[in-house]
Amino acid sequence: MPQYICSQCSKEYDVITTDGFCTNQPECEFGTGWLREKSSAKSDDASGLTPLVFDNEAGLCILMMDGSLSMNEPAFPDSDYPGTRYKLVAMNAAGGIWSLKSMTHQDNAWLALAVFGGEPKLISIQSVDEIFKEHATAESLADSIQNILEKETPSARFTNINSAVQLAYDIKQAFIRGDLSAYGGPSGFKPVIHPVVRDDDDGEQFIDIPNVRALIYTDGEHNVTSAIKNSFASDEQSVLITAFIGEKNAKGVGQMQGLACTCPKHGPATGFFLIDSPERVQTLRGIFRMASGASGFCSACLHIEQKVVEPAEPEVDMAEAEETGETPVESAETVDPPSDTPSAPGS
């Protein structure tokens, strides 16, 4: 009699797999399903998520990944999730990038991959096309990312968020200038700029947003002497998305919330996401996918379904919703797609 069942696709297993994750690909999206004992498996989906819908094109994605030693601890210690935070990030980053497989203009869409501990280190700037030529499977890409996190993070005992954010900002500025050669990337290109209508206190504003997103996550807090700084805050529209992996009352949560952009389409919703349980793995996958595709900023852009609050029910705790990155919106079926959906440079 089968003893285990996949948390995502419900495939049954007589024995647990080597790493505890489902191997039923392509039916079960790589990295999203892990094996639970059948007796403890939930009978319904507690994630509250609808399938994520994304447009194909991308520009530049800057992934600034925390590789500090604490990331080698269990991702969700009070659950049956089998992986470390290194594993969690590697599998979902790879899965998010792999979802761009059918994207057009892969040679004009780039990924800047960097890690940080006490200081940041840029690993590479590659086109999506180059990534897919180097890695035949999502598993191969995930293994590569995990190896980088574990072995190439400088000063892994520390977490210097300031220097990581500054490097991401410098790369973003170089992209806007059309020259990434100083970082080992291409030059002589013209980045796509998208006009967006943003609602604020002064009414509608027409702003231009470059076809670039920066994503930084951590599981800790900035622990060097200087105070937190945000270079993106001086931009007309920040493109910095942030995530925290850990408990919502951790000290680093507030720091990452303060760094996150405000979504130009769904403000005051921000680009901050809290990953504090296995049920949020799909959200983490969606963040990497959204950033890699340069196609949104916040939870509404991810088309995450929110339950509509009935008048007789207690009001939604807006502070808690903002902490998780899921500011209450209408269900995904009634949320308009982001008007700033970009297309690949050169398209």
Protein backbone atom coordinates (compact mmCIF):
# COMPACT_ATOMS: atom_id res chain seq x y z
CA MET A 1 0.00 0.00 0.00
CA PRO A 2 1.46 3.43 -0.94
CA GLN A 3 2.87 5.25 2.06
CA TYR A 4 3.56 8.70 0.57
CA ILE A 5 1.69 11.19 -1.60
CA CYS A 6 2.87 14.29 -3.48
CA SER A 7 1.69 17.58 -1.95
CA GLN A 8 1.09 19.02 -5.42
CA CYS A 9 -0.04 16.36 -7.93
CA SER A 10 -1.17 13.64 -5.45
CA LYS A 11 0.94 10.92 -7.09
CA GLU A 12 1.39 8.06 -4.64
CA TYR A 13 4.73 6.45 -3.77
CA ASP A 14 5.53 3.20 -1.99
CA VAL A 15 8.87 4.60 -0.76
CA ILE A 16 10.11 8.13 -0.35
CA THR A 17 12.40 9.57 -3.04
CA THR A 18 16.06 10.32 -2.35
CA ASP A 19 15.55 14.04 -1.69
CA GLY A 20 11.90 13.89 -0.62
CA PHE A 21 10.56 15.70 -3.70
CA CYS A 22 8.15 14.47 -6.36
CA THR A 23 9.68 13.06 -9.55
CA ASN A 24 6.45 13.06 -11.57
CA GLN A 25 7.56 15.56 -14.22
CA PRO A 26 6.24 17.13 -16.40
CA GLU A 27 2.81 16.54 -14.83
CA CYS A 28 4.07 17.95 -11.51
CA GLU A 29 6.02 21.18 -11.99
CA PHE A 30 9.62 20.70 -10.89
CA GLY A 31 10.29 21.69 -7.30
CA THR A 32 6.69 22.42 -6.28
CA GLY A 33 5.68 19.02 -4.91
CA TRP A 34 7.22 17.13 -2.00
CA LEU A 35 6.25 13.80 -0.47
CA ARG A 36 4.08 13.61 2.63
CA GLU A 37 3.02 10.61 4.62
CA LYS A 38 -0.46 9.74 3.43
CA SER A 39 -1.82 9.85 6.95
CA SER A 40 -0.73 13.52 7.34
CA ALA A 41 -1.52 14.75 3.83
CA LYS A 42 -4.11 17.48 3.66
CA SER A 43 -7.31 16.63 1.84
CA ASP A 44 -7.63 20.00 0.19
CA ASP A 45 -5.36 22.68 -1.15
CA ALA A 46 -4.46 25.15 1.59
CA SER A 47 -2.38 27.39 -0.62
CA GLY A 48 -5.27 29.61 -1.77
CA LEU A 49 -3.47 30.15 -5.07
CA THR A 50 -4.76 30.01 -8.59
CA PRO A 51 -2.56 28.98 -11.52
CA LEU A 52 -0.08 31.74 -12.29
CA VAL A 53 -0.39 33.41 -15.68
CA PHE A 54 2.57 35.24 -17.20
CA ASP A 55 3.42 36.83 -20.49
CA ASN A 56 6.29 35.38 -22.45
CA GLU A 57 8.65 38.27 -22.89
CA ALA A 58 11.38 39.55 -20.59
CA GLY A 59 14.13 42.13 -20.37
CA LEU A 60 16.75 42.04 -17.60
CA CYS A 61 16.22 40.24 -14.32
CA ILE A 62 18.70 40.80 -11.49
CA LEU A 63 18.54 37.98 -8.94
CA MET A 64 20.37 38.97 -5.75
CA MET A 65 20.41 35.81 -3.63
CA ASP A 66 21.27 35.45 0.05
CA GLY A 67 23.82 32.67 0.39
CA SER A 68 24.59 33.14 4.10
CA LEU A 69 25.17 30.07 6.25
CA SER A 70 21.71 30.21 7.82
CA MET A 71 20.26 29.35 4.42
CA ASN A 72 21.55 25.80 4.96
CA GLU A 73 18.99 25.27 7.72
CA PRO A 74 15.61 23.55 7.16
CA ALA A 75 13.34 25.82 5.14
CA PHE A 76 10.26 25.23 7.29
CA PRO A 77 11.38 23.38 10.44
CA ASP A 78 7.86 22.87 11.83
CA SER A 79 6.57 21.17 8.67
CA ASP A 80 7.17 18.09 6.56
CA TYR A 81 8.93 20.10 3.83
CA PRO A 82 12.17 18.14 3.19
CA GLY A 83 14.58 20.79 1.91
CA THR A 84 16.92 23.47 3.23
CA ARG A 85 16.47 27.12 2.32
CA TYR A 86 19.29 26.68 -0.21
CA LYS A 87 17.28 23.88 -1.79
CA LEU A 88 14.04 25.84 -1.61
CA VAL A 89 15.53 28.81 -3.43
CA ALA A 90 17.49 26.79 -5.99
CA MET A 91 14.52 24.66 -7.04
CA ASN A 92 12.09 27.55 -7.29
CA ALA A 93 14.51 29.95 -8.98
CA ALA A 94 15.27 27.26 -11.54
CA GLY A 95 11.59 26.50 -11.99
CA GLY A 96 10.73 30.16 -12.42
CA ILE A 97 13.44 30.64 -15.03
CA TRP A 98 12.49 27.38 -16.76
CA SER A 99 8.96 28.69 -17.27
CA LEU A 100 10.46 31.10 -19.82
CA LYS A 101 11.28 28.15 -22.08
CA SER A 102 8.63 29.13 -24.63
CA MET A 103 9.52 32.82 -24.57
CA THR A 104 10.37 34.57 -27.81
CA HIS A 105 13.54 36.67 -28.19
CA GLN A 106 15.45 34.53 -25.70
CA ASP A 107 18.73 35.97 -26.95
CA ASN A 108 17.61 39.47 -25.94
CA ALA A 109 16.43 38.60 -22.44
CA TRP A 110 19.14 38.50 -19.78
CA LEU A 111 19.56 37.22 -16.26
CA ALA A 112 22.11 38.69 -13.85
CA LEU A 113 22.77 36.12 -11.12
CA ALA A 114 24.47 37.31 -7.94
CA VAL A 115 24.95 36.05 -4.38
CA PHE A 116 25.68 37.98 -1.22
CA GLY A 117 26.78 37.46 2.34
CA GLY A 118 29.10 40.04 3.86
CA GLU A 119 29.47 41.45 0.34
CA PRO A 120 27.87 40.71 -3.03
CA LYS A 121 29.38 38.73 -5.89
CA LEU A 122 28.10 38.81 -9.46
CA ILE A 123 28.26 35.27 -10.84
CA SER A 124 27.17 35.86 -14.43
CA ILE A 125 25.04 37.77 -16.87
CA GLN A 126 23.59 35.37 -19.42
CA SER A 127 20.81 35.46 -21.94
CA VAL A 128 17.91 33.09 -21.39
CA ASP A 129 18.98 31.37 -24.59
CA GLU A 130 22.48 30.76 -23.16
CA ILE A 131 21.03 29.37 -19.93
CA PHE A 132 18.88 26.86 -21.78
CA LYS A 133 21.81 25.79 -23.95
CA GLU A 134 23.97 25.25 -20.85
CA HIS A 135 21.34 23.33 -18.88
CA ALA A 136 19.28 20.58 -20.45
CA THR A 137 16.86 20.33 -17.53
CA ALA A 138 15.48 22.43 -14.70
CA GLU A 139 17.13 19.98 -12.31
CA SER A 140 20.54 20.79 -13.78
CA LEU A 141 19.93 24.52 -13.37
CA ALA A 142 18.73 24.03 -9.79
CA ASP A 143 21.84 22.02 -8.91
CA SER A 144 24.01 24.77 -10.38
CA ILE A 145 22.25 27.51 -8.40
CA GLN A 146 22.47 25.53 -5.16
CA ASN A 147 26.17 24.87 -5.73
CA ILE A 148 26.76 28.60 -6.28
CA LEU A 149 24.88 29.50 -3.09
CA GLU A 150 26.77 26.98 -0.99
CA LYS A 151 30.27 27.49 -2.39
CA GLU A 152 30.59 30.98 -3.88
CA THR A 153 28.98 33.27 -1.31
CA PRO A 154 31.60 35.72 0.06
CA SER A 155 31.77 36.20 3.85
CA ALA A 156 28.80 33.90 4.37
CA ARG A 157 28.67 34.53 8.12
CA PHE A 158 27.33 38.05 7.51
CA THR A 159 24.38 39.67 5.72
CA ASN A 160 25.17 42.99 4.06
CA ILE A 161 21.95 44.03 2.37
CA ASN A 162 23.20 47.54 1.56
CA SER A 163 26.03 46.38 -0.68
CA ALA A 164 23.77 43.82 -2.36
CA VAL A 165 21.10 46.43 -3.15
CA GLN A 166 23.76 48.85 -4.41
CA LEU A 167 25.22 46.29 -6.83
CA ALA A 168 21.73 45.48 -8.12
CA TYR A 169 21.10 49.20 -8.63
CA ASP A 170 24.39 49.71 -10.47
CA ILE A 171 23.61 46.82 -12.83
CA LYS A 172 20.13 48.23 -13.41
CA GLN A 173 21.57 51.64 -14.29
CA ALA A 174 24.05 50.07 -16.71
CA PHE A 175 21.18 48.22 -18.38
CA ILE A 176 19.25 51.47 -18.83
CA ARG A 177 22.34 52.99 -20.46
CA GLY A 178 22.45 50.03 -22.85
CA ASP A 179 25.88 48.79 -21.78
CA LEU A 180 26.46 45.83 -19.45
CA SER A 181 29.99 45.16 -20.67
CA ALA A 182 31.52 46.22 -17.34
CA TYR A 183 29.70 43.26 -15.78
CA GLY A 184 30.47 40.75 -18.51
CA GLY A 185 27.20 41.35 -20.35
CA PRO A 186 26.22 42.77 -23.75
CA SER A 187 26.52 46.35 -24.97
CA GLY A 188 25.14 48.47 -27.79
CA PHE A 189 21.50 47.61 -27.12
CA LYS A 190 18.52 49.84 -26.47
CA PRO A 191 16.39 48.74 -23.51
CA VAL A 192 12.65 48.73 -23.94
CA ILE A 193 10.85 51.41 -21.93
CA HIS A 194 7.17 50.94 -21.09
CA PRO A 195 4.74 53.83 -20.47
CA VAL A 196 2.48 53.13 -17.48
CA VAL A 197 -0.41 55.03 -15.92
CA ARG A 198 0.10 55.23 -12.16
CA ASP A 199 -2.59 56.36 -9.71
CA ASP A 200 -1.44 58.37 -6.70
CA ASP A 201 -2.62 61.20 -4.46
CA ASP A 202 -2.24 63.68 -7.32
CA GLY A 203 -4.34 61.62 -9.71
CA GLU A 204 -3.11 59.72 -12.75
CA GLN A 205 0.52 60.04 -13.74
CA PHE A 206 2.16 58.79 -16.93
CA ILE A 207 5.56 57.32 -16.13
CA ASP A 208 8.16 55.28 -18.01
CA ILE A 209 9.38 52.00 -16.56
CA PRO A 210 12.47 50.25 -17.94
CA ASN A 211 12.15 46.59 -18.85
CA VAL A 212 14.10 45.40 -15.80
CA ARG A 213 13.32 43.91 -12.39
CA ALA A 214 15.60 43.36 -9.39
CA LEU A 215 14.74 40.71 -6.80
CA ILE A 216 16.52 40.37 -3.48
CA TYR A 217 15.61 37.93 -0.72
CA THR A 218 17.07 37.06 2.67
CA ASP A 219 16.31 34.92 5.69
CA GLY A 220 18.02 37.26 8.15
CA GLU A 221 18.68 40.92 8.75
CA HIS A 222 21.26 43.49 7.71
CA ASN A 223 23.94 42.95 10.35
CA VAL A 224 26.79 45.27 9.45
CA THR A 225 27.37 48.66 11.08
CA SER A 226 25.84 51.04 8.53
CA ALA A 227 22.09 51.72 8.46
CA ILE A 228 19.87 50.31 5.72
CA LYS A 229 20.02 52.31 2.48
CA ASN A 230 17.90 51.98 -0.64
CA SER A 231 19.38 53.32 -3.86
CA PHE A 232 16.18 52.46 -5.75
CA ALA A 233 14.16 54.89 -3.61
CA SER A 234 15.40 57.88 -5.63
CA ASP A 235 13.97 56.52 -8.89
CA GLU A 236 10.65 57.75 -10.25
CA GLN A 237 9.49 54.13 -10.02
CA SER A 238 11.46 51.56 -8.09
CA VAL A 239 11.80 48.13 -9.72
CA LEU A 240 13.04 46.39 -6.54
CA ILE A 241 11.06 43.34 -5.41
CA THR A 242 11.92 41.86 -2.01
CA ALA A 243 11.17 38.65 -0.13
CA PHE A 244 11.81 37.31 3.35
CA ILE A 245 12.08 33.58 4.06
CA GLY A 246 11.15 32.96 7.67
CA GLU A 247 8.70 33.91 10.41
CA LYS A 248 6.65 37.09 10.01
CA ASN A 249 7.84 38.47 13.36
CA ALA A 250 11.55 38.15 12.47
CA LYS A 251 13.64 41.32 12.67
CA GLY A 252 14.56 41.27 8.99
CA VAL A 253 10.94 41.44 7.79
CA GLY A 254 10.62 45.17 8.39
CA GLN A 255 13.88 45.85 6.58
CA MET A 256 12.76 44.01 3.46
CA GLN A 257 9.34 45.64 3.56
CA GLY A 258 10.97 49.05 3.66
CA LEU A 259 13.08 48.28 0.60
CA ALA A 260 10.26 47.02 -1.61
CA CYS A 261 8.78 49.06 -4.44
CA THR A 262 5.17 50.24 -4.55
CA CYS A 263 3.32 48.62 -7.43
CA PRO A 264 2.45 51.28 -10.06
CA LYS A 265 -0.66 49.33 -11.07
CA HIS A 266 -2.01 48.12 -7.72
CA GLY A 267 -0.61 50.61 -5.20
CA PRO A 268 -0.51 50.85 -2.24
CA ALA A 269 0.35 47.16 -2.64
CA THR A 270 4.11 46.66 -2.55
CA GLY A 271 6.60 44.25 -4.03
CA PHE A 272 7.30 42.57 -0.69
CA PHE A 273 6.57 38.87 -0.15
CA LEU A 274 6.76 36.77 3.01
CA ILE A 275 7.59 33.08 2.57
CA ASP A 276 6.82 31.55 5.96
CA SER A 277 5.26 28.15 5.23
CA PRO A 278 5.30 25.32 2.66
CA GLU A 279 1.96 26.61 1.35
CA ARG A 280 3.86 29.69 0.12
CA VAL A 281 6.22 27.71 -2.12
CA GLN A 282 4.01 28.44 -5.14
CA THR A 283 4.27 32.13 -4.32
CA LEU A 284 8.07 31.92 -4.20
CA ARG A 285 8.04 30.19 -7.58
CA GLY A 286 5.78 32.95 -8.89
CA ILE A 287 8.09 35.70 -7.64
CA PHE A 288 11.07 34.21 -9.46
CA ARG A 289 8.94 33.74 -12.55
CA MET A 290 7.58 37.28 -12.42
CA ALA A 291 11.00 38.82 -11.88
CA SER A 292 12.61 36.69 -14.58
CA GLY A 293 9.88 37.73 -17.00
CA ALA A 294 9.98 41.40 -15.89
CA SER A 295 6.19 41.24 -15.87
CA GLY A 296 4.92 42.70 -12.61
CA PHE A 297 5.63 43.90 -9.09
CA CYS A 298 3.13 42.70 -6.46
CA SER A 299 0.83 39.86 -5.43
CA ALA A 300 -1.99 41.16 -7.62
CA CYS A 301 0.39 41.03 -10.56
CA LEU A 302 0.92 37.37 -9.69
CA HIS A 303 -2.84 36.79 -10.03
CA ILE A 304 -3.00 35.31 -6.54
CA GLU A 305 -6.60 34.72 -5.65
CA GLN A 306 -7.86 36.50 -2.56
CA LYS A 307 -11.05 35.54 -0.75
CA VAL A 308 -13.67 38.28 -0.89
CA VAL A 309 -14.55 39.37 2.64
CA GLU A 310 -18.27 39.19 3.35
CA PRO A 311 -19.81 42.21 5.15
CA ALA A 312 -20.65 40.11 8.21
CA GLU A 313 -17.09 38.83 8.56
CA PRO A 314 -14.35 40.65 10.52
CA GLU A 315 -12.32 43.14 8.54
CA VAL A 316 -9.09 41.97 6.97
CA ASP A 317 -5.99 42.86 8.98
CA MET A 318 -4.33 45.22 6.47
CA ALA A 319 -1.06 45.28 8.41
CA GLU A 320 -0.82 41.49 8.31
CA ALA A 321 -1.75 41.42 4.63
CA GLU A 322 0.98 43.93 3.84
CA GLU A 323 3.50 41.82 5.80
CA THR A 324 2.86 38.80 3.57
CA GLY A 325 2.84 40.73 0.31
CA GLU A 326 -0.82 39.84 -0.26
CA THR A 327 -2.66 43.13 0.09
CA PRO A 328 -6.35 42.28 -0.27
CA VAL A 329 -7.63 42.66 -3.81
CA GLU A 330 -10.52 41.15 -5.67
CA SER A 331 -10.18 37.54 -6.79
CA ALA A 332 -7.74 36.88 -9.59
CA GLU A 333 -10.63 36.51 -12.03
CA THR A 334 -11.51 40.18 -11.61
CA VAL A 335 -8.00 41.66 -11.43
CA ASP A 336 -6.93 43.27 -14.67
CA PRO A 337 -3.54 42.13 -15.99
CA PRO A 338 -0.77 44.66 -15.25
CA SER A 339 -0.66 47.39 -17.87
CA ASP A 340 3.13 47.43 -17.64
CA THR A 341 3.57 43.93 -19.09
CA PRO A 342 6.83 44.28 -21.00
CA SER A 343 8.19 42.72 -24.12
CA ALA A 344 11.71 41.53 -24.72
CA PRO A 345 14.34 44.06 -25.70
CA GLY A 346 14.55 44.24 -29.43
CA SER A 347 11.02 42.87 -29.94
